[in-house]
N, C-alpha and C. Protein backbone atom coordinates (compact mmCIF):
# COMPACT_ATOMS: atom_id res chain seq x y z
N UNK A 1 8.50 21.75 -4.90
CA UNK A 1 8.26 20.68 -5.82
C UNK A 1 6.82 20.12 -6.10
N UNK A 2 6.08 19.66 -6.93
CA UNK A 2 5.34 19.14 -7.52
C UNK A 2 4.89 17.13 -6.66
N UNK A 3 4.36 17.35 -5.90
CA UNK A 3 4.13 15.71 -4.75
C UNK A 3 3.31 15.63 -4.98
N UNK A 4 2.28 16.37 -6.12
CA UNK A 4 0.50 16.11 -5.98
C UNK A 4 0.33 14.04 -7.26
N UNK A 5 -0.58 14.42 -7.56
CA UNK A 5 -1.18 13.03 -8.63
C UNK A 5 -0.19 13.42 -9.48
N UNK A 6 0.28 12.59 -9.90
CA UNK A 6 0.92 13.07 -11.51
C UNK A 6 0.13 12.43 -12.85
N UNK A 7 -0.67 13.21 -13.35
CA UNK A 7 -2.10 13.40 -14.31
C UNK A 7 -1.14 14.95 -15.35
N UNK A 8 -2.23 14.76 -15.70
CA UNK A 8 -1.79 15.87 -16.39
C UNK A 8 -2.37 17.48 -16.43
N UNK A 9 -3.46 16.88 -16.05
CA UNK A 9 -4.67 17.64 -15.40
C UNK A 9 -4.72 17.70 -14.01
N UNK A 10 -3.43 16.89 -13.05
CA UNK A 10 -3.17 17.74 -12.16
C UNK A 10 -1.72 19.12 -12.20
N UNK A 11 -1.36 18.64 -12.91
CA UNK A 11 0.13 19.46 -12.73
C UNK A 11 -0.75 20.57 -13.37
N UNK A 12 -1.56 20.55 -14.42
CA UNK A 12 -2.03 22.00 -14.93
C UNK A 12 -2.47 22.58 -13.99
N UNK A 13 -4.06 21.50 -13.27
CA UNK A 13 -4.95 22.59 -12.22
C UNK A 13 -3.69 23.10 -11.08
N UNK A 14 -2.56 22.78 -10.93
CA UNK A 14 -1.35 23.20 -9.68
C UNK A 14 -0.62 24.34 -10.03
N UNK A 15 -0.39 24.26 -11.97
CA UNK A 15 0.24 25.85 -11.86
C UNK A 15 -0.77 25.95 -12.49
N UNK A 16 -2.17 26.03 -12.31
CA UNK A 16 -3.44 27.32 -12.37
C UNK A 16 -3.86 28.17 -11.06
N UNK A 17 -3.61 26.80 -10.24
CA UNK A 17 -3.44 27.40 -8.51
C UNK A 17 -2.06 28.92 -8.62
N UNK A 18 -0.60 28.21 -8.79
CA UNK A 18 0.35 29.35 -8.34
C UNK A 18 -0.29 30.22 -8.63
N UNK A 19 -0.65 30.63 -10.28
CA UNK A 19 -0.57 31.75 -10.56
C UNK A 19 -1.49 32.34 -10.77
N UNK A 20 -2.56 32.15 -10.07
CA UNK A 20 -4.29 32.62 -9.48
C UNK A 20 -4.25 33.54 -9.00
N UNK A 21 -4.94 34.66 -9.19
CA UNK A 21 -4.69 36.65 -7.44
C UNK A 21 -6.25 35.68 -7.76
N UNK A 22 -6.58 35.85 -5.98
CA UNK A 22 -6.18 36.14 -5.09
C UNK A 22 -5.56 35.44 -4.93
N UNK A 23 -4.71 35.09 -3.96
CA UNK A 23 -4.49 33.89 -2.77
C UNK A 23 -5.50 32.33 -3.11
N UNK A 24 -6.73 32.50 -2.94
CA UNK A 24 -7.89 32.29 -1.41
C UNK A 24 -8.53 32.50 -2.84
N UNK A 25 -9.61 31.16 -2.93
CA UNK A 25 -10.79 32.11 -2.93
C UNK A 25 -11.69 32.51 -2.06
N UNK A 26 -12.50 33.52 -2.36
CA UNK A 26 -13.57 34.46 -2.44
C UNK A 26 -15.12 33.88 -2.06
N UNK A 27 -15.86 32.76 -1.40
CA UNK A 27 -17.12 32.36 -1.70
C UNK A 27 -18.35 33.48 -1.73
N UNK A 28 -19.60 33.44 -1.77
CA UNK A 28 -20.64 34.13 -1.84
C UNK A 28 -21.92 34.16 -1.76
N UNK A 29 -22.15 32.76 -1.78
CA UNK A 29 -23.00 31.68 -1.24
C UNK A 29 -22.43 30.54 -0.59
N UNK A 30 -23.86 29.63 -0.27
CA UNK A 30 -23.72 28.89 0.33
C UNK A 30 -23.64 28.25 -0.85
N UNK A 31 -24.14 27.42 -1.29
CA UNK A 31 -24.12 26.98 -2.69
C UNK A 31 -22.15 26.53 -2.87
N UNK A 32 -21.71 28.42 -2.80
CA UNK A 32 -20.05 27.81 -3.61
C UNK A 32 -19.71 27.29 -2.49
N UNK A 33 -19.99 27.62 -0.43
CA UNK A 33 -19.48 26.42 0.23
C UNK A 33 -19.46 24.91 -0.01
N UNK A 34 -19.96 24.65 -0.38
CA UNK A 34 -20.69 23.81 0.05
C UNK A 34 -19.55 23.12 -1.60
N UNK A 35 -20.25 23.91 -2.40
CA UNK A 35 -19.23 23.16 -4.08
C UNK A 35 -17.72 22.96 -3.44
N UNK A 36 -17.26 24.40 -2.93
CA UNK A 36 -16.06 24.00 -2.76
C UNK A 36 -15.26 23.14 -1.51
N UNK A 37 -15.96 23.42 -0.71
CA UNK A 37 -15.67 22.27 0.26
C UNK A 37 -15.68 20.83 -0.28
N UNK A 38 -16.08 20.56 -0.97
CA UNK A 38 -16.93 18.81 -1.25
C UNK A 38 -16.47 18.49 -2.60
N UNK A 39 -15.56 19.41 -3.87
CA UNK A 39 -15.76 19.46 -5.00
C UNK A 39 -14.42 18.18 -5.19
N UNK A 40 -13.27 17.92 -4.80
CA UNK A 40 -12.23 17.97 -4.83
C UNK A 40 -12.64 15.65 -3.93
N UNK A 41 -13.60 15.19 -3.75
CA UNK A 41 -13.67 14.36 -2.81
C UNK A 41 -14.01 13.18 -4.49
N UNK A 42 -14.72 13.76 -5.56
CA UNK A 42 -15.22 12.63 -6.57
C UNK A 42 -13.71 12.96 -7.83
N UNK A 43 -12.43 14.56 -7.81
CA UNK A 43 -12.17 14.70 -8.99
C UNK A 43 -10.58 13.02 -8.72
N UNK A 44 -10.58 12.73 -9.47
CA UNK A 44 -9.20 11.35 -9.72
C UNK A 44 -8.44 12.29 -9.69
N UNK A 45 -8.42 13.63 -10.09
CA UNK A 45 -7.22 14.93 -10.44
C UNK A 45 -6.28 15.30 -9.07
N UNK A 46 -7.07 14.66 -7.83
CA UNK A 46 -6.28 14.82 -6.94
C UNK A 46 -6.61 13.46 -5.88
N UNK A 47 -5.97 14.44 -5.68
CA UNK A 47 -5.11 12.88 -4.33
C UNK A 47 -5.68 13.16 -2.65
N UNK A 48 -5.58 11.69 -1.74
CA UNK A 48 -6.19 11.46 -0.62
C UNK A 48 -5.62 12.46 0.30
N UNK A 49 -5.09 13.26 -0.35
CA UNK A 49 -3.65 14.23 1.01
C UNK A 49 -5.48 15.74 0.82
N UNK A 50 -5.67 15.34 -0.48
CA UNK A 50 -6.17 16.82 -0.45
C UNK A 50 -6.98 17.55 0.80
N UNK A 51 -7.39 18.63 0.96
CA UNK A 51 -7.28 19.36 2.06
C UNK A 51 -8.42 20.95 1.83
N UNK A 52 -9.99 20.77 1.84
CA UNK A 52 -10.37 21.92 1.08
C UNK A 52 -9.69 23.09 3.11
N UNK A 53 -9.75 24.49 2.77
CA UNK A 53 -10.22 25.21 4.23
C UNK A 53 -10.79 26.08 3.75
N UNK A 54 -11.79 26.24 4.87
CA UNK A 54 -13.02 27.93 4.60
C UNK A 54 -13.08 28.69 5.94
N UNK A 55 -12.18 29.64 5.46
CA UNK A 55 -12.39 30.63 6.50
C UNK A 55 -13.64 31.58 6.63
N UNK A 56 -14.54 32.07 7.99
CA UNK A 56 -15.69 32.57 8.03
C UNK A 56 -15.45 33.72 9.00
N UNK A 57 -15.76 34.83 8.65
CA UNK A 57 -15.64 36.38 9.36
C UNK A 57 -16.67 36.52 9.07
N UNK A 58 -17.54 37.14 10.04
CA UNK A 58 -18.30 38.29 9.90
C UNK A 58 -18.76 40.08 9.82
N UNK A 59 -17.27 40.26 10.65
CA UNK A 59 -17.19 41.69 10.44
C UNK A 59 -15.06 41.38 10.85
N UNK A 60 -14.63 41.31 8.52
CA UNK A 60 -13.36 41.12 9.13
C UNK A 60 -12.68 42.39 9.04
N UNK A 61 -13.37 43.54 8.19
CA UNK A 61 -13.26 44.80 8.74
C UNK A 61 -13.16 45.40 10.09
N UNK A 62 -13.32 45.00 10.43
CA UNK A 62 -13.94 45.49 12.08
C UNK A 62 -13.13 44.45 13.33
N UNK A 63 -14.08 43.71 14.38
CA UNK A 63 -13.27 43.79 15.29
C UNK A 63 -13.03 41.96 14.91
N UNK A 64 -13.16 41.56 13.57
CA UNK A 64 -12.39 40.47 13.30
C UNK A 64 -11.31 40.51 12.65
N UNK A 65 -10.81 41.89 12.34
CA UNK A 65 -9.54 41.96 11.02
C UNK A 65 -8.43 41.24 11.58
N UNK A 66 -7.63 40.74 12.57
CA UNK A 66 -6.64 40.75 13.02
C UNK A 66 -6.74 38.99 12.56
N UNK A 67 -7.87 38.47 13.67
CA UNK A 67 -7.97 36.90 12.53
C UNK A 67 -7.89 37.14 11.31
N UNK A 68 -8.45 37.53 10.11
CA UNK A 68 -8.61 37.89 9.25
C UNK A 68 -7.70 37.81 8.68
N UNK A 69 -6.18 38.51 8.30
CA UNK A 69 -5.32 39.37 7.94
C UNK A 69 -3.82 37.78 8.64
N UNK A 70 -4.37 37.07 10.48
CA UNK A 70 -3.94 35.84 10.02
C UNK A 70 -3.80 34.18 8.87
N UNK A 71 -5.63 34.66 8.40
CA UNK A 71 -6.06 33.61 8.21
C UNK A 71 -5.05 34.18 6.83
N UNK A 72 -5.10 35.03 6.18
CA UNK A 72 -4.59 35.06 4.75
C UNK A 72 -3.35 34.77 5.03
N UNK A 73 -2.74 35.59 5.95
CA UNK A 73 -1.48 34.93 5.95
C UNK A 73 -1.30 33.77 5.80
N UNK A 74 -1.79 32.62 6.56
CA UNK A 74 -1.35 31.22 7.02
C UNK A 74 -2.26 31.08 5.49
N UNK A 75 -3.01 31.48 4.63
CA UNK A 75 -2.75 31.32 2.87
C UNK A 75 -2.46 31.55 2.11
N UNK A 76 -1.60 32.34 2.39
CA UNK A 76 -0.55 32.60 1.54
C UNK A 76 0.64 31.84 1.80
N UNK A 77 0.86 31.06 3.29
CA UNK A 77 2.16 30.42 3.21
C UNK A 77 1.67 28.65 2.36
N UNK A 78 0.29 28.53 2.60
CA UNK A 78 -0.03 27.10 2.16
C UNK A 78 -0.32 27.33 0.59
N UNK A 79 -0.41 28.19 -0.08
CA UNK A 79 -0.63 28.59 -1.86
C UNK A 79 0.16 27.88 -2.33
N UNK A 80 1.01 27.49 -1.84
CA UNK A 80 2.60 26.44 -2.61
C UNK A 80 2.22 25.32 -2.57
N UNK A 81 1.21 24.70 -1.85
CA UNK A 81 1.30 23.18 -1.82
C UNK A 81 -0.75 22.44 -2.58
N UNK A 82 0.91 21.97 -2.62
CA UNK A 82 -0.31 20.85 -3.92
C UNK A 82 -2.21 20.45 -3.36
N UNK A 83 -1.93 20.07 -2.50
CA UNK A 83 -2.79 19.09 -1.70
C UNK A 83 -4.16 20.54 -0.87
N UNK A 84 -3.46 21.99 -0.98
CA UNK A 84 -4.39 22.40 -0.18
C UNK A 84 -4.73 23.61 -0.46
N UNK A 85 -6.57 24.05 -0.62
CA UNK A 85 -6.83 24.95 -1.01
C UNK A 85 -7.50 25.95 -0.38
N UNK A 86 -8.03 27.59 -0.22
CA UNK A 86 -8.64 27.40 0.18
C UNK A 86 -9.54 29.06 0.55
N UNK A 87 -10.26 28.82 0.80
CA UNK A 87 -11.29 29.80 0.08
C UNK A 87 -12.24 31.30 1.77
N UNK A 88 -12.59 32.03 1.63
CA UNK A 88 -12.50 32.23 2.89
C UNK A 88 -14.38 33.04 2.36
N UNK A 89 -15.23 32.83 3.67
CA UNK A 89 -16.11 33.86 4.14
C UNK A 89 -16.59 34.82 4.38
N UNK A 90 -16.90 36.21 3.57
CA UNK A 90 -17.65 37.48 4.72
C UNK A 90 -17.83 37.86 4.75
N UNK A 91 -19.75 37.10 4.30
CA UNK A 91 -20.87 38.03 4.76
C UNK A 91 -21.03 37.29 6.06
N UNK A 92 -22.24 38.09 6.39
CA UNK A 92 -22.31 37.57 7.79
C UNK A 92 -23.56 35.85 7.40
N UNK A 93 -24.19 36.70 6.17
CA UNK A 93 -25.54 35.75 6.54
C UNK A 93 -25.38 33.82 6.19
N UNK A 94 -24.15 34.71 5.66
CA UNK A 94 -23.30 33.09 5.11
C UNK A 94 -22.38 32.31 5.81
N UNK A 95 -21.88 33.20 6.78
CA UNK A 95 -21.76 32.65 7.82
C UNK A 95 -22.70 32.19 9.15
N UNK A 96 -24.11 32.30 8.87
CA UNK A 96 -25.40 32.71 10.13
C UNK A 96 -25.60 31.54 9.47
N UNK A 97 -26.25 30.80 8.49
CA UNK A 97 -26.49 30.32 7.26
C UNK A 97 -25.48 28.63 8.89
N UNK A 98 -24.56 28.33 8.00
CA UNK A 98 -23.60 27.51 8.79
C UNK A 98 -23.25 27.42 10.06
N UNK A 99 -23.44 28.61 10.61
CA UNK A 99 -24.31 28.77 12.61
C UNK A 99 -25.29 28.20 13.13
N UNK A 100 -26.18 28.14 11.91
CA UNK A 100 -27.52 27.90 12.27
C UNK A 100 -27.33 26.06 12.30
N UNK A 101 -26.83 25.95 10.78
CA UNK A 101 -26.78 24.35 11.23
C UNK A 101 -25.53 23.66 11.36
N UNK A 102 -25.31 24.68 12.60
CA UNK A 102 -24.22 23.10 14.06
C UNK A 102 -22.93 23.26 12.82
N UNK A 103 -22.12 23.19 12.17
CA UNK A 103 -21.29 23.39 11.19
C UNK A 103 -19.87 23.84 11.42
N UNK A 104 -20.58 25.61 12.28
CA UNK A 104 -19.69 26.31 13.15
C UNK A 104 -20.25 26.76 13.88
N UNK A 105 -19.55 26.54 14.88
CA UNK A 105 -20.00 28.05 16.32
C UNK A 105 -19.55 29.13 16.33
N UNK A 106 -19.52 29.79 15.62
CA UNK A 106 -19.63 31.35 15.61
C UNK A 106 -18.60 31.95 14.89
N UNK A 107 -17.70 33.06 14.68
CA UNK A 107 -16.91 33.39 13.50
C UNK A 107 -16.11 34.56 14.39
N UNK A 108 -14.69 34.11 13.95
CA UNK A 108 -14.35 33.13 13.00
C UNK A 108 -13.93 32.14 13.29
N UNK A 109 -14.80 31.63 12.54
CA UNK A 109 -14.15 29.86 12.50
C UNK A 109 -13.66 29.27 11.21
N UNK A 110 -12.92 27.85 11.21
CA UNK A 110 -12.41 27.66 9.64
C UNK A 110 -13.60 26.15 10.00
N UNK A 111 -13.58 26.22 8.82
CA UNK A 111 -13.63 24.52 8.28
C UNK A 111 -12.62 23.58 7.10
N UNK A 112 -12.49 22.91 8.28
CA UNK A 112 -11.49 21.67 7.07
C UNK A 112 -11.97 20.31 6.15
N UNK A 113 -11.94 20.12 5.29
CA UNK A 113 -12.36 18.83 4.64
C UNK A 113 -11.30 18.42 3.77
N UNK A 114 -11.09 16.98 4.10
CA UNK A 114 -10.20 16.53 3.71
C UNK A 114 -10.99 15.92 2.89
N UNK A 115 -11.06 14.63 1.27
CA UNK A 115 -10.60 13.34 0.64
C UNK A 115 -11.23 12.36 1.33
N UNK A 116 -11.67 12.06 2.11
CA UNK A 116 -12.22 10.57 1.93
C UNK A 116 -11.77 9.07 2.10
């Protein structure tokens, strides 16, 4: 059931989310991460309960593989939620930027932002 904002663009956005592949978005630049984390703040089609989640993995095909798989499984469970949006970073340089700026302390890590 849809419990989000009752506007046509909100419902259409939810339908697009449900039919999109992959289940989570892969972010390829620092700008992509910042846009993804904060884009819902000024968008009236999203509720105050909207949350964005980004998983950071530097070695998702090696030592962090189990954590990455767990993150992907959690993203799949959350995919049907109209107010939760999930993305992932697998580029170690992007992860390093967020570590250096003290936004995360290591990988694997998660950052969650809710609409104020």
